[in-house]
Structures are given as structure tokens and as C-alpha cells.
């Protein structure tokens, strides 16, 4: 059964709008604008003679100037003017521009796919490359009538003859974010959402807070090079674990938690001194071969024979050989983490210059596994700059079985991509912080509902896309690179009209 959609409005009263509807002193409060606007931008409360301030976030922008009902044209005193909000262009970055942030916030609020009529570019960013240029080819709707209940969006996590058989209803689970990099409220929100969806989230390498115990069946415990919080108990209480050999956003650099975020509660789980900076070395100094890797996998299976083993690696040029090595070491899942992953804590210089972009790594590995005859015996998971429902579908068409999502879940909670995750007290919105006062800005139940809603919106989009492509499952979409094109498809652009 799908989790229930409940409206989960933003925490802040005044929402950032893309457009400003300005009303000058010539306005006579006639109410014509309220009558003609179908989006309820203009309102006059019952019993009041004066118009309320425009609800700017409901305005669809300059495209409305083409409509017969446009308020600007109907105003008898020419008292209305439409402008682009100057604050809009200060929000976000090329990969997560303001339009994409706002669209994700709306999906998290309503559980509905974002309509292009709202004037937000809700599926791509402005990077000029990668997933922003990779598109599904224009295809006519499938000649075969396919109903929603005929479409299978599930993901089988274990295709090997040994280990637990676990299937999740959507091809997505939550990436590793450690206690320390994010706060407990954020961890709980993600865990509650994972439980509601029947999927998983990873603890990252910061330990396993006891507050997560009710969600053990939906938690991935991570074993990383720092071994923070790793114990036999943390491995025995879960169904799913992950080795983190490298992170795509910063391969070769390891992890780094600055002292300001190493609070007493964080230090307790990491068995460290509060206030000190903590480092995760690179690499595991006990693993320099496939044989060493197999010893690691065997160690985990000795502690918990009924555990699913995933291996998270970055994307070097020989990633295909690395994947085959993990297969022969006995892993169930190979998780490829490409460049552009990571939150604001990952150095930009690393994200842009070291690892292979995931859209290159996935087809390289997929083809190699097919050539080796073992493609259907290993689950291939992709992450690293995957932001939207459309990005998920694209990387599956490139050859992945499923996707790990990290930043998009934080955006659902209200992340504005300010990049302060790792510095000082951390996130000013309470998401990626361990500061006890800032953490109060996040309510775990509200956060869980926002993430639940976002994935419901994504699911609706996936159903539409698969039916349009004439496919009945993501299994059929996997490796269908023939459905993709890499080019400069013209996107509808707003007219820069000033009144």
C-alpha cells in the first residue's frame, strides 16, 4: 500500500516567489484583477474594501501576458506591473537553480508532479551538460493501452542465489548521511519516510543513534574507513549494510567533520573527543586487492549471515573492473557514486575534477557486466547528481537498476543550497546541523511527510513516462540507451517582457 499524501506546507510564512506583481498608487481597489485571475494571485477578503497584497508565488509569470485573462491587461488604471524577483537569481546554483528547488518544494508539499504551467523548469538544471542535456527522445504515446496497475516500479535488491531476498516498491533508497553531518531530526525524518515507503536510508559513517531503533528494518548501516560507530551490534540489528570505499564527490580525499559539528552527542557515537575535527582516511588500509575485499565481505557475513551487502565506490577509469571484483568478492549490490554527488560539505574542486560523471560510468559498467555474462546477477545502483524523477529514469535507461538519493531529500526539507553544511553551526535551516537550537527548526514527522510526498510525485511521473514509452517496468527500461539522446533540445523560455 502506498503511503498517504498529506499536505505539508513550508515552515516559513513568506514563500519566495519567482515573480513580483507590483500594484502602484493608481489602484482604485475595483477588484477586477481578482475576478479575472484564475490563480488567485489577487484577493479581497470579504468585508474589506481594499485589496490584499498579491500572493506572488501563485503568479505564472510573463507567459500570462499572452492570456486573455491577464490581470495586467484588464486593470482599468494600468496599476499592475510584472517583474522577475531579483532575489530569485541569487538562489541555488547551476545544478540546482531556483526553479528546480522551488519545484521540488512544491512536490514535497503537495505530492503532485509539478506542472509546467507554474513557470518552473521542474526537471533540469542549468549546468549545460550531464543530465541537463541528456533527454528521452520524442516518442508518440504507446499504441498499447497500459493502466497504472500494470506498471511495476519495484526494485529487486538481491539477484544472487545467496543472502536475503528484498524488494522495494520504488527504484530508490536514501544515501548515507552521518549523524554529525546532519542532525537527529533529519535522520528521523528520512527513516520515517523510508519505513512508510518500504525502502531504506543509510546511516552514513557517524554511528547508529538509538532513536533509529524502531526503523531497523529500513536502515542501512555503513562501514567506512573511519569505522565510526561500527560494532557487531550495529551490523546485527539490520538487514542491509554498505561498505563505503570511496565517495564520488571526493574520491581519494576521505571524510572530514569539522570540530564545530562534533558536539558531545556526536562524539559519543564516534567514540571521539568533542570539539575535535574527525577524519576518515582514504582508503581502507586493509584492502588493496579483490582478495582483501572478499575478506571484508566475509567478515560482515560472519557477523550477520542474513545481511545484504552493498559496496559503494567512486568512478575511476577502471570502474568496470572494480565492479567485477566486488561481484567475485560476494557483494549483492555495487553502488557507483559519480561526480557531482555530495552536499555542501563536499569540496567543489573535487566534485568537478576527480570522479567520472555517473552518466559515463553507468553505461561503461553495464556493458562490461553484460559482456562478462553476469549482468543479471548483480544489482547496480547509481548516485551522484541525480536530482529528479526524470534523472532517475535517465540513469536507469543508461544501465542502472536503481538509484540512491541524497540531496533531493534535503531539498524536500527546505534546503536552499547555501553550502554552509560543514562550517560553523552548519545549516541555518536546521537540516545539516548538530546545533541543539538549530535542530529545533526541523520536526521529524513534518520532514517525513515532505519526503513521502516528493516520492509520490516522482512515482506519478514515472508511471506517466513508462506508459508513454510503452514499457511496463523499470526492468524493461534498464539499458535502453536507444531511447535517449544527448543534444541541445530547445526548452521553452520565458519572454523577458517588462511592463
Protein backbone atom coordinates (compact mmCIF):
# COMPACT_ATOMS: atom_id res chain seq x y z
CA UNK A 1 0.00 0.00 0.00
CA UNK A 2 1.32 3.42 -0.94
CA UNK A 3 1.94 5.92 1.84
CA UNK A 4 -0.70 8.59 2.23
CA UNK A 5 -0.23 12.06 0.80
CA UNK A 6 -0.85 14.81 3.34
CA UNK A 7 -0.33 18.48 2.65
CA UNK A 8 2.96 19.58 4.24
CA UNK A 9 3.41 23.33 3.75
CA UNK A 10 6.74 25.06 4.05
CA UNK A 11 7.77 26.12 7.55
CA UNK A 12 8.15 29.76 6.64
CA UNK A 13 5.19 32.10 6.17
CA UNK A 14 6.54 34.18 3.30
CA UNK A 15 7.44 31.91 0.40
CA UNK A 16 9.98 33.03 -2.15
CA UNK A 17 8.27 33.86 -5.44
CA UNK A 18 9.79 33.88 -8.91
CA UNK A 19 7.72 36.86 -9.98
CA UNK A 20 6.53 40.03 -8.29
CA UNK A 21 3.15 41.54 -9.13
CA UNK A 22 3.52 45.21 -8.29
CA UNK A 23 0.49 47.43 -7.64
CA UNK A 24 1.09 51.18 -7.83
CA UNK A 25 -0.90 54.01 -6.14
CA UNK A 26 -3.15 54.35 -9.20
CA UNK A 27 -5.05 51.25 -7.98
CA UNK A 28 -8.68 52.07 -7.06
CA UNK A 29 -9.35 48.67 -5.43
CA UNK A 30 -12.01 47.84 -8.02
CA UNK A 31 -11.30 44.10 -7.72
CA UNK A 32 -11.14 43.45 -11.46
CA UNK A 33 -7.82 41.64 -11.08
CA UNK A 34 -9.30 39.27 -8.50
CA UNK A 35 -12.17 38.44 -10.85
CA UNK A 36 -10.06 37.67 -13.93
CA UNK A 37 -7.05 35.88 -12.35
CA UNK A 38 -7.67 32.09 -12.19
CA UNK A 39 -4.63 31.58 -9.96
CA UNK A 40 -5.92 33.68 -7.04
CA UNK A 41 -2.91 35.97 -7.09
CA UNK A 42 -5.25 38.86 -6.24
CA UNK A 43 -7.71 38.65 -3.36
CA UNK A 44 -10.03 40.96 -1.47
CA UNK A 45 -11.20 39.45 1.83
CA UNK A 46 -14.93 39.52 2.47
CA UNK A 47 -15.99 42.72 4.17
CA UNK A 48 -12.87 44.65 3.13
CA UNK A 49 -12.77 47.50 0.62
CA UNK A 50 -9.06 47.27 -0.12
CA UNK A 51 -7.25 44.55 -2.00
CA UNK A 52 -4.81 42.29 -0.14
CA UNK A 53 -1.17 42.23 -1.15
CA UNK A 54 -0.71 39.98 -4.22
CA UNK A 55 0.14 36.35 -3.49
CA UNK A 56 3.26 36.49 -5.65
CA UNK A 57 4.17 32.79 -5.53
CA UNK A 58 0.93 31.90 -7.39
CA UNK A 59 1.76 34.03 -10.42
CA UNK A 60 2.77 32.08 -13.55
CA UNK A 61 4.90 34.94 -14.85
CA UNK A 62 5.44 36.60 -18.19
CA UNK A 63 3.73 33.82 -20.12
CA UNK A 64 0.46 35.05 -18.61
CA UNK A 65 0.77 38.24 -20.68
CA UNK A 66 -0.35 36.14 -23.66
CA UNK A 67 -3.58 35.16 -21.92
CA UNK A 68 -6.89 36.96 -22.33
CA UNK A 69 -7.42 36.85 -18.57
CA UNK A 70 -4.08 38.52 -17.68
CA UNK A 71 -4.61 40.98 -14.84
CA UNK A 72 -2.08 43.45 -16.26
CA UNK A 73 -4.21 43.94 -19.39
CA UNK A 74 -7.55 44.13 -17.56
CA UNK A 75 -6.58 46.72 -14.96
CA UNK A 76 -8.57 49.89 -15.83
CA UNK A 77 -5.93 52.15 -14.27
CA UNK A 78 -2.84 50.33 -15.59
CA UNK A 79 -1.79 49.96 -11.97
CA UNK A 80 -0.23 46.49 -12.27
CA UNK A 81 3.30 45.58 -13.32
CA UNK A 82 5.03 42.21 -13.53
CA UNK A 83 8.73 41.79 -12.69
CA UNK A 84 11.19 38.98 -12.12
CA UNK A 85 12.01 38.82 -8.41
CA UNK A 86 15.67 39.95 -8.07
CA UNK A 87 16.10 37.51 -5.16
CA UNK A 88 15.27 34.58 -7.44
CA UNK A 89 18.56 34.65 -9.29
CA UNK A 90 20.51 34.62 -6.03
CA UNK A 91 19.04 31.24 -5.04
CA UNK A 92 20.68 27.91 -5.78
CA UNK A 93 23.39 27.08 -8.32
CA UNK A 94 23.73 25.73 -11.85
CA UNK A 95 22.86 22.16 -10.91
CA UNK A 96 20.12 23.19 -8.51
CA UNK A 97 18.78 26.51 -9.87
CA UNK A 98 15.92 28.31 -8.19
CA UNK A 99 13.30 26.77 -10.49
CA UNK A 100 14.33 23.23 -9.61
CA UNK A 101 14.47 23.99 -5.89
CA UNK A 102 11.00 25.53 -5.95
CA UNK A 103 9.56 22.68 -8.00
CA UNK A 104 10.92 20.14 -5.51
CA UNK A 105 9.50 22.13 -2.59
CA UNK A 106 6.08 22.11 -4.26
CA UNK A 107 6.24 18.35 -4.85
CA UNK A 108 7.19 17.86 -1.20
CA UNK A 109 4.25 19.99 -0.14
CA UNK A 110 1.54 18.50 -2.35
CA UNK A 111 2.69 15.06 -3.53
CA UNK A 112 1.84 16.05 -7.10
CA UNK A 113 4.12 16.32 -10.15
CA UNK A 114 4.95 19.95 -10.80
CA UNK A 115 3.02 21.42 -13.70
CA UNK A 116 4.95 23.27 -16.37
CA UNK A 117 2.14 25.81 -16.21
CA UNK A 118 3.60 27.09 -12.95
CA UNK A 119 6.51 28.52 -14.95
CA UNK A 120 9.18 26.48 -13.18
CA UNK A 121 11.71 24.37 -15.06
CA UNK A 122 10.99 21.38 -12.89
CA UNK A 123 13.13 18.64 -14.43
CA UNK A 124 16.52 20.07 -15.39
CA UNK A 125 19.16 22.49 -14.18
CA UNK A 126 21.38 24.97 -15.94
CA UNK A 127 24.72 23.14 -15.93
CA UNK A 128 24.83 22.86 -19.71
CA UNK A 129 25.84 19.19 -19.59
CA UNK A 130 25.20 15.82 -18.00
CA UNK A 131 21.57 15.04 -17.21
CA UNK A 132 20.63 18.59 -18.21
CA UNK A 133 21.37 17.75 -21.85
CA UNK A 134 20.50 14.05 -21.80
CA UNK A 135 16.88 13.68 -22.83
CA UNK A 136 14.40 10.99 -23.75
CA UNK A 137 13.68 11.09 -27.44
CA UNK A 138 10.34 12.49 -28.52
CA UNK A 139 8.13 9.45 -28.78
CA UNK A 140 4.47 9.08 -29.53
CA UNK A 141 2.33 7.63 -26.82
CA UNK A 142 2.35 3.86 -26.69
CA UNK A 143 -0.20 2.32 -29.08
CA UNK A 144 -0.91 -0.24 -26.36
CA UNK A 145 -3.19 0.94 -23.57
CA UNK A 146 -1.35 0.46 -20.28
CA UNK A 147 -3.00 1.03 -16.91
CA UNK A 148 -1.17 2.24 -13.82
CA UNK A 149 -1.70 -1.09 -12.07
CA UNK A 150 0.12 -2.85 -14.91
CA UNK A 151 3.31 -0.84 -14.36
CA UNK A 152 5.90 -2.32 -11.99
CA UNK A 153 8.22 0.23 -10.39
CA UNK A 154 9.80 -2.16 -7.88
CA UNK A 155 13.49 -2.98 -7.48
CA UNK A 156 14.90 -6.38 -6.53
CA UNK A 157 17.94 -5.62 -4.39
CA UNK A 158 19.46 -9.11 -4.36
CA UNK A 159 19.79 -11.08 -7.59
CA UNK A 160 22.34 -13.54 -6.27
CA UNK A 161 21.48 -17.09 -5.11
CA UNK A 162 22.57 -16.34 -1.54
CA UNK A 163 21.54 -13.75 1.02
CA UNK A 164 18.16 -12.19 1.88
CA UNK A 165 15.64 -11.53 -0.87
CA UNK A 166 14.48 -7.93 -0.52
CA UNK A 167 12.37 -5.97 -2.98
CA UNK A 168 11.47 -2.30 -2.58
CA UNK A 169 8.43 -0.70 -4.29
CA UNK A 170 10.32 2.14 -5.98
CA UNK A 171 13.83 2.07 -7.52
CA UNK A 172 15.19 4.47 -4.92
CA UNK A 173 16.68 4.41 -1.43
CA UNK A 174 18.32 7.09 0.69
CA UNK A 175 22.05 7.73 0.63
CA UNK A 176 24.46 7.85 3.55
CA UNK A 177 24.32 10.99 5.70
CA UNK A 178 26.01 10.59 9.03
CA UNK A 179 24.92 11.81 12.43
CA UNK A 180 27.19 14.81 12.61
CA UNK A 181 26.82 15.85 9.01
CA UNK A 182 23.05 16.08 9.59
CA UNK A 183 21.05 16.35 12.79
CA UNK A 184 18.99 13.69 14.52
CA UNK A 185 15.67 15.23 13.45
CA UNK A 186 16.70 14.99 9.81
CA UNK A 187 17.82 11.37 10.28
CA UNK A 188 14.48 10.51 11.87
CA UNK A 189 12.54 12.23 9.10
CA UNK A 190 14.38 10.19 6.48
CA UNK A 191 13.95 6.95 8.44
CA UNK A 192 10.21 7.51 8.91
CA UNK A 193 9.80 8.19 5.19
CA UNK A 194 11.82 5.08 4.30
CA UNK A 195 9.62 2.96 6.56
CA UNK A 196 6.46 4.41 5.03
CA UNK A 197 7.71 3.58 1.53
CA UNK A 198 9.15 0.18 2.44
CA UNK A 199 12.60 1.24 1.32
CA UNK A 200 15.86 2.19 3.12
CA UNK A 201 18.13 5.04 4.19
CA UNK A 202 21.80 4.79 5.12
CA UNK A 203 23.21 5.94 8.45
CA UNK A 204 26.41 7.16 6.84
CA UNK A 205 29.54 6.64 8.91
CA UNK A 206 28.65 8.59 12.04
CA UNK A 207 27.17 5.81 14.16
CA UNK A 208 23.73 4.45 14.84
CA UNK A 209 21.64 6.57 17.26
CA UNK A 210 19.24 4.54 19.40
CA UNK A 211 16.38 6.75 18.25
CA UNK A 212 16.57 4.88 14.92
CA UNK A 213 15.83 1.51 16.55
CA UNK A 214 12.12 1.45 15.55
CA UNK A 215 13.24 1.67 11.92
CA UNK A 216 15.94 -1.04 11.97
CA UNK A 217 14.33 -2.95 9.09
CA UNK A 218 14.71 0.13 6.89
CA UNK A 219 18.20 1.23 7.91
CA UNK A 220 21.45 0.60 6.05
CA UNK A 221 24.38 0.67 8.43
CA UNK A 222 27.54 1.93 6.80
CA UNK A 223 31.09 0.69 7.36
CA UNK A 224 33.51 3.36 6.19
CA UNK A 225 37.23 3.87 6.55
CA UNK A 226 36.96 5.73 9.86
CA UNK A 227 34.91 2.85 11.36
CA UNK A 228 32.97 5.45 13.37
CA UNK A 229 30.13 3.81 15.26
CA UNK A 230 30.78 0.36 13.77
CA UNK A 231 30.10 -2.56 16.10
CA UNK A 232 28.81 -6.10 15.94
CA UNK A 233 25.50 -4.86 17.30
CA UNK A 234 25.13 -2.20 14.61
CA UNK A 235 25.61 -4.91 11.98
CA UNK A 236 23.36 -7.50 13.60
CA UNK A 237 20.33 -5.25 14.04
CA UNK A 238 19.82 -4.52 10.31
CA UNK A 239 19.05 -6.36 7.07
CA UNK A 240 21.30 -4.21 4.86
CA UNK A 241 24.85 -2.84 5.19
CA UNK A 242 27.12 -0.81 2.99
CA UNK A 243 30.89 -0.62 2.66
CA UNK A 244 31.93 2.88 1.70
CA UNK A 245 35.26 2.51 -0.07
CA UNK A 246 35.05 5.93 -1.72
CA UNK A 247 32.64 8.80 -2.28
CA UNK A 248 32.14 10.13 -5.77
CA UNK A 249 32.12 13.77 -4.67
CA UNK A 250 35.57 13.47 -3.11
CA UNK A 251 37.39 10.26 -4.11
CA UNK A 252 40.85 9.93 -2.65
CA UNK A 253 40.15 12.56 -0.02
CA UNK A 254 38.25 10.65 2.65
CA UNK A 255 35.82 12.35 5.01
CA UNK A 256 36.19 15.37 7.26
CA UNK A 257 33.89 16.54 10.07
CA UNK A 258 34.94 19.91 11.46
CA UNK A 259 35.21 20.35 15.21
CA UNK A 260 32.27 22.75 15.49
CA UNK A 261 29.87 19.99 14.43
CA UNK A 262 31.45 17.36 16.67
CA UNK A 263 29.15 18.03 19.62
CA UNK A 264 29.13 15.80 22.73
CA UNK A 265 26.27 13.70 21.34
CA UNK A 266 28.09 13.22 18.01
CA UNK A 267 31.38 12.46 19.76
CA UNK A 268 29.66 9.81 21.88
CA UNK A 269 28.69 7.75 18.86
CA UNK A 270 32.03 8.27 17.17
CA UNK A 271 33.97 7.47 20.35
CA UNK A 272 35.87 10.72 19.95
CA UNK A 273 36.68 13.88 21.90
CA UNK A 274 34.02 16.61 21.49
CA UNK A 275 35.11 19.67 19.55
CA UNK A 276 37.87 17.93 17.62
CA UNK A 277 37.91 17.57 13.84
CA UNK A 278 37.43 13.99 12.69
CA UNK A 279 38.89 12.43 9.58
CA UNK A 280 38.03 9.29 7.63
CA UNK A 281 41.19 8.16 5.85
CA UNK A 282 41.39 7.05 2.28
CA UNK A 283 41.47 4.16 1.56
CA UNK A 284 40.77 1.16 3.81
CA UNK A 285 44.39 0.30 4.55
CA UNK A 286 43.37 -3.33 4.92
CA UNK A 287 42.09 -3.59 1.34
CA UNK A 288 44.47 -3.49 -1.62
CA UNK A 289 43.13 -6.39 -3.71
CA UNK A 290 40.00 -8.33 -4.56
CA UNK A 291 41.14 -10.98 -2.09
CA UNK A 292 41.33 -8.35 0.68
CA UNK A 293 37.91 -7.09 -0.37
CA UNK A 294 36.48 -10.62 -0.08
CA UNK A 295 37.84 -10.86 3.47
CA UNK A 296 35.87 -7.73 4.30
CA UNK A 297 32.68 -9.17 2.86
CA UNK A 298 33.25 -12.50 4.62
CA UNK A 299 33.83 -10.65 7.91
CA UNK A 300 30.41 -8.99 7.65
CA UNK A 301 28.66 -12.24 6.71
CA UNK A 302 30.28 -13.99 9.67
CA UNK A 303 28.79 -11.39 11.99
CA UNK A 304 25.38 -11.40 10.27
CA UNK A 305 24.80 -14.24 7.76
CA UNK A 306 21.42 -12.79 6.77
CA UNK A 307 22.60 -9.35 5.71
CA UNK A 308 22.55 -7.71 2.30
CA UNK A 309 25.99 -6.36 1.34
CA UNK A 310 26.44 -3.27 -0.80
CA UNK A 311 29.77 -1.85 -1.92
CA UNK A 312 29.91 1.89 -2.53
CA UNK A 313 32.74 3.02 -4.79
CA UNK A 314 33.61 6.12 -6.76
CA UNK A 315 34.05 6.08 -10.52
CA UNK A 316 37.71 5.76 -11.61
CA UNK A 317 38.52 4.89 -15.19
CA UNK A 318 38.70 1.18 -14.34
CA UNK A 319 35.34 1.16 -12.57
CA UNK A 320 34.20 -1.77 -14.72
CA UNK A 321 36.98 -3.95 -13.31
CA UNK A 322 36.27 -2.73 -9.78
CA UNK A 323 32.63 -3.79 -10.17
CA UNK A 324 33.53 -7.27 -11.36
CA UNK A 325 35.94 -7.57 -8.42
CA UNK A 326 33.09 -6.78 -6.00
CA UNK A 327 30.94 -9.39 -7.71
CA UNK A 328 33.57 -12.08 -7.18
CA UNK A 329 34.09 -10.89 -3.61
CA UNK A 330 30.46 -11.84 -2.93
CA UNK A 331 28.69 -8.48 -2.81
CA UNK A 332 25.00 -8.30 -3.68
CA UNK A 333 24.99 -4.65 -4.75
CA UNK A 334 27.58 -2.38 -6.34
CA UNK A 335 26.81 1.27 -5.73
CA UNK A 336 28.53 3.61 -8.21
CA UNK A 337 28.87 7.12 -6.78
CA UNK A 338 29.76 9.58 -9.51
CA UNK A 339 30.94 13.15 -9.56
CA UNK A 340 28.59 15.97 -8.51
CA UNK A 341 27.23 13.98 -5.60
CA UNK A 342 27.57 15.15 -2.03
CA UNK A 343 26.02 18.04 -0.16
CA UNK A 344 27.51 21.45 0.51
CA UNK A 345 30.16 19.74 2.64
CA UNK A 346 31.93 18.30 -0.40
CA UNK A 347 34.68 20.50 -1.95
CA UNK A 348 33.67 21.95 -5.32
CA UNK A 349 37.18 21.39 -6.66
CA UNK A 350 36.77 17.67 -6.00
CA UNK A 351 33.23 17.36 -7.33
CA UNK A 352 34.15 18.97 -10.62
CA UNK A 353 37.54 17.44 -11.36
CA UNK A 354 38.15 13.97 -9.94
CA UNK A 355 35.50 11.27 -10.37
CA UNK A 356 33.89 10.22 -13.64
CA UNK A 357 30.37 11.63 -14.10
CA UNK A 358 27.78 8.97 -13.36
CA UNK A 359 26.23 9.21 -16.85
CA UNK A 360 29.53 7.91 -18.28
CA UNK A 361 30.26 5.33 -15.58
CA UNK A 362 26.91 3.51 -15.64
CA UNK A 363 26.83 2.50 -19.33
CA UNK A 364 30.53 1.55 -19.17
CA UNK A 365 29.87 -0.85 -16.28
CA UNK A 366 26.55 -2.08 -17.68
CA UNK A 367 28.13 -3.10 -20.99
CA UNK A 368 31.09 -4.76 -19.31
CA UNK A 369 28.87 -6.81 -17.00
CA UNK A 370 26.77 -7.86 -19.99
CA UNK A 371 29.90 -8.93 -21.85
CA UNK A 372 31.02 -10.95 -18.81
CA UNK A 373 27.63 -12.68 -18.67
CA UNK A 374 26.91 -11.61 -15.09
CA UNK A 375 24.72 -8.52 -15.57
CA UNK A 376 21.60 -10.18 -14.16
CA UNK A 377 23.46 -11.49 -11.11
CA UNK A 378 24.42 -8.14 -9.61
CA UNK A 379 22.31 -5.11 -8.70
CA UNK A 380 23.83 -1.89 -10.00
CA UNK A 381 22.92 1.26 -8.08
CA UNK A 382 23.83 4.78 -9.22
CA UNK A 383 24.18 8.10 -7.40
CA UNK A 384 25.93 11.42 -7.86
CA UNK A 385 23.98 14.44 -9.05
CA UNK A 386 20.64 12.66 -9.56
CA UNK A 387 18.04 15.25 -8.61
CA UNK A 388 14.64 14.48 -10.12
CA UNK A 389 12.27 11.73 -11.20
CA UNK A 390 13.45 12.28 -14.76
CA UNK A 391 17.12 11.92 -13.75
CA UNK A 392 16.26 8.59 -12.11
CA UNK A 393 14.65 7.33 -15.31
CA UNK A 394 17.59 8.54 -17.42
CA UNK A 395 20.23 6.72 -15.37
CA UNK A 396 18.17 3.51 -15.40
CA UNK A 397 17.94 3.80 -19.20
CA UNK A 398 21.74 4.09 -19.18
CA UNK A 399 22.01 0.73 -17.43
CA UNK A 400 21.47 1.10 -13.67
CA UNK A 401 18.93 -0.98 -11.76
CA UNK A 402 18.16 1.73 -9.23
CA UNK A 403 19.28 4.95 -7.64
CA UNK A 404 20.44 6.36 -4.32
CA UNK A 405 19.08 9.82 -3.50
CA UNK A 406 20.67 12.23 -1.05
CA UNK A 407 20.49 15.96 -1.75
CA UNK A 408 16.94 15.85 -3.18
CA UNK A 409 15.65 14.59 0.18
CA UNK A 410 17.31 17.55 1.90
CA UNK A 411 15.83 19.91 -0.66
CA UNK A 412 12.42 18.46 0.18
CA UNK A 413 13.09 19.58 3.75
CA UNK A 414 13.79 23.13 2.59
CA UNK A 415 17.49 23.16 1.65
CA UNK A 416 18.42 26.29 -0.33
CA UNK A 417 21.88 25.06 -1.37
CA UNK A 418 23.70 27.76 0.59
CA UNK A 419 26.73 25.47 1.05
CA UNK A 420 27.14 26.01 4.79
CA UNK A 421 26.64 22.34 5.70
CA UNK A 422 30.11 21.82 7.08
CA UNK A 423 31.00 25.21 8.53
CA UNK A 424 30.35 26.60 11.99
CA UNK A 425 26.96 25.62 13.35
CA UNK A 426 26.02 24.19 9.98
CA UNK A 427 22.72 24.65 8.17
CA UNK A 428 20.75 27.79 9.06
CA UNK A 429 17.56 25.88 8.23
CA UNK A 430 18.27 23.14 10.76
CA UNK A 431 18.78 20.32 8.25
CA UNK A 432 22.54 19.67 8.19
CA UNK A 433 23.40 20.82 11.70
CA UNK A 434 24.11 19.39 15.13
CA UNK A 435 23.47 22.65 16.91
CA UNK A 436 20.75 21.93 19.52
CA UNK A 437 18.91 25.20 18.82
CA UNK A 438 19.02 24.99 15.02
CA UNK A 439 17.87 21.35 15.13
CA UNK A 440 14.56 22.54 16.59
CA UNK A 441 13.72 24.04 13.19
CA UNK A 442 13.02 20.53 11.86
CA UNK A 443 10.06 18.47 13.03
CA UNK A 444 10.70 14.82 12.14
CA UNK A 445 7.05 13.99 11.32
CA UNK A 446 6.71 17.04 9.08
CA UNK A 447 10.01 16.21 7.39
CA UNK A 448 8.99 12.60 6.81
CA UNK A 449 5.77 13.70 5.15
CA UNK A 450 7.66 16.07 2.87
CA UNK A 451 9.93 13.25 1.67
CA UNK A 452 6.96 10.87 1.33
CA UNK A 453 5.15 13.44 -0.80
CA UNK A 454 8.15 14.05 -3.04
CA UNK A 455 8.43 10.36 -3.87
CA UNK A 456 4.68 10.11 -4.51
CA UNK A 457 5.06 12.93 -7.03
CA UNK A 458 8.01 11.10 -8.59
CA UNK A 459 6.03 7.86 -8.76
CA UNK A 460 3.23 9.58 -10.65
CA UNK A 461 5.73 10.96 -13.11
CA UNK A 462 7.39 7.54 -13.58
CA UNK A 463 4.03 5.93 -14.33
CA UNK A 464 3.32 8.54 -16.99
CA UNK A 465 6.77 8.18 -18.56
CA UNK A 466 6.84 4.39 -18.65
CA UNK A 467 3.38 4.23 -20.20
CA UNK A 468 4.39 6.82 -22.80
CA UNK A 469 7.42 4.70 -23.68
CA UNK A 470 5.23 1.59 -23.94
CA UNK A 471 7.01 -0.11 -21.03
CA UNK A 472 5.52 -1.89 -18.04
CA UNK A 473 8.50 -1.80 -15.66
CA UNK A 474 11.84 -0.23 -14.89
CA UNK A 475 13.34 -3.64 -15.65
CA UNK A 476 12.32 -3.09 -19.28
CA UNK A 477 13.78 0.43 -19.23
CA UNK A 478 17.19 -0.69 -17.92
CA UNK A 479 19.89 -0.30 -20.54
CA UNK A 480 17.56 1.22 -23.16
CA UNK A 481 20.10 3.78 -24.29
CA UNK A 482 18.34 3.85 -27.66
CA UNK A 483 15.57 5.85 -26.01
CA UNK A 484 17.96 8.65 -25.07
CA UNK A 485 19.61 11.46 -26.99
CA UNK A 486 22.32 13.90 -25.97
CA UNK A 487 21.89 17.27 -27.54
CA UNK A 488 20.53 20.77 -27.21
CA UNK A 489 16.80 20.27 -27.34
CA UNK A 490 15.20 23.66 -27.25
CA UNK A 491 13.50 24.36 -23.96
CA UNK A 492 10.61 26.77 -23.71
CA UNK A 493 11.98 30.09 -22.47
CA UNK A 494 10.16 32.88 -20.77
CA UNK A 495 9.85 36.10 -22.66
CA UNK A 496 11.65 38.93 -20.89
CA UNK A 497 8.86 41.45 -21.16
CA UNK A 498 8.75 44.42 -18.85
CA UNK A 499 5.58 46.46 -18.47
